C-alpha atoms as a PDB file:
ATOM      1  CA  MET A   1      51.818 158.766 -36.826  1.00  0.00           C
ATOM      2  CA  THR A   2      51.434 161.592 -34.304  1.00  0.00           C
ATOM      3  CA  GLU A   3      50.643 161.463 -30.585  1.00  0.00           C
ATOM      4  CA  THR A   4      47.005 162.008 -31.533  1.00  0.00           C
ATOM      5  CA  GLY A   5      46.977 158.836 -33.575  1.00  0.00           C
ATOM      6  CA  ASP A   6      46.309 160.789 -36.770  1.00  0.00           C
ATOM      7  CA  PRO A   7      48.700 159.748 -39.534  1.00  0.00           C
ATOM      8  CA  HIS A   8      47.955 163.017 -41.421  1.00  0.00           C
ATOM      9  CA  GLY A   9      49.045 165.561 -38.794  1.00  0.00           C
ATOM     10  CA  PHE A  10      52.266 166.456 -37.068  1.00  0.00           C
ATOM     11  CA  GLY A  11      50.961 166.801 -33.472  1.00  0.00           C
ATOM     12  CA  ILE A  12      52.559 170.227 -33.110  1.00  0.00           C
ATOM     13  CA  GLY A  13      49.492 172.295 -32.118  1.00  0.00           C
ATOM     14  CA  LEU A  14      48.384 170.277 -29.092  1.00  0.00           C
ATOM     15  CA  GLY A  15      51.993 169.804 -28.014  1.00  0.00           C
ATOM     16  CA  ASN A  16      52.484 173.588 -28.039  1.00  0.00           C
ATOM     17  CA  VAL A  17      49.315 174.092 -25.987  1.00  0.00           C
ATOM     18  CA  ARG A  18      50.485 171.511 -23.434  1.00  0.00           C
ATOM     19  CA  ASP A  19      53.917 173.190 -23.159  1.00  0.00           C
ATOM     20  CA  ARG A  20      52.372 176.644 -22.649  1.00  0.00           C
ATOM     21  CA  LEU A  21      49.975 175.365 -19.992  1.00  0.00           C
ATOM     22  CA  LYS A  22      52.860 173.711 -18.148  1.00  0.00           C
ATOM     23  CA  ALA A  23      54.924 176.916 -18.289  1.00  0.00           C
ATOM     24  CA  ARG A  24      52.043 179.079 -17.049  1.00  0.00           C
ATOM     25  CA  PHE A  25      50.250 176.850 -14.530  1.00  0.00           C
ATOM     26  CA  GLY A  26      52.630 173.971 -13.737  1.00  0.00           C
ATOM     27  CA  ASP A  27      50.810 170.865 -12.524  1.00  0.00           C
ATOM     28  CA  ALA A  28      47.562 172.819 -11.954  1.00  0.00           C
ATOM     29  CA  ALA A  29      46.589 172.602 -15.644  1.00  0.00           C
ATOM     30  CA  ARG A  30      45.911 169.581 -17.806  1.00  0.00           C
ATOM     31  CA  LEU A  31      45.366 168.782 -21.477  1.00  0.00           C
ATOM     32  CA  GLU A  32      43.799 165.476 -22.440  1.00  0.00           C
ATOM     33  CA  PHE A  33      42.958 164.422 -25.970  1.00  0.00           C
ATOM     34  CA  GLY A  34      42.305 161.403 -28.088  1.00  0.00           C
ATOM     35  CA  PRO A  35      39.759 159.501 -30.132  1.00  0.00           C
ATOM     36  CA  ARG A  36      36.265 159.007 -28.724  1.00  0.00           C
ATOM     37  CA  GLU A  37      34.832 155.513 -28.341  1.00  0.00           C
ATOM     38  CA  ARG A  38      32.012 156.192 -30.804  1.00  0.00           C
ATOM     39  CA  GLY A  39      34.071 158.106 -33.324  1.00  0.00           C
ATOM     40  CA  GLY A  40      35.415 161.609 -33.526  1.00  0.00           C
ATOM     41  CA  PHE A  41      38.059 163.265 -31.403  1.00  0.00           C
ATOM     42  CA  GLU A  42      37.874 164.948 -27.998  1.00  0.00           C
ATOM     43  CA  THR A  43      40.046 167.537 -26.273  1.00  0.00           C
ATOM     44  CA  VAL A  44      39.632 168.474 -22.594  1.00  0.00           C
ATOM     45  CA  LEU A  45      41.444 171.521 -21.246  1.00  0.00           C
ATOM     46  CA  THR A  46      41.575 172.104 -17.473  1.00  0.00           C
ATOM     47  CA  MET A  47      43.016 175.324 -16.009  1.00  0.00           C
ATOM     48  CA  PRO A  48      42.820 176.965 -12.585  1.00  0.00           C
ATOM     49  CA  LEU A  49      40.640 180.026 -12.199  1.00  0.00           C
ATOM     50  CA  GLN A  50      42.684 183.106 -11.358  1.00  0.00           C
ATOM     51  CA  ARG A  51      40.945 186.323 -10.422  1.00  0.00           C
ATOM     52  CA  SER A  52      42.667 189.673 -10.573  1.00  0.00           C
ATOM     53  CA  ARG A  53      42.060 192.251  -7.902  1.00  0.00           C
ATOM     54  CA  VAL A  54      41.141 195.623  -9.292  1.00  0.00           C
END
């Protein structure tokens, strides 16, 4: 079973996303995922807004 609770997957994709967010934004970014109470699956991605100066 994977970290997502899905016995059919390997959990690699969301783990890679979490690692990349950590490398880029440190503790300012967050990835939350898991089964929803009423069925289905939910993923919430939180990142800081960064504006470039032109």
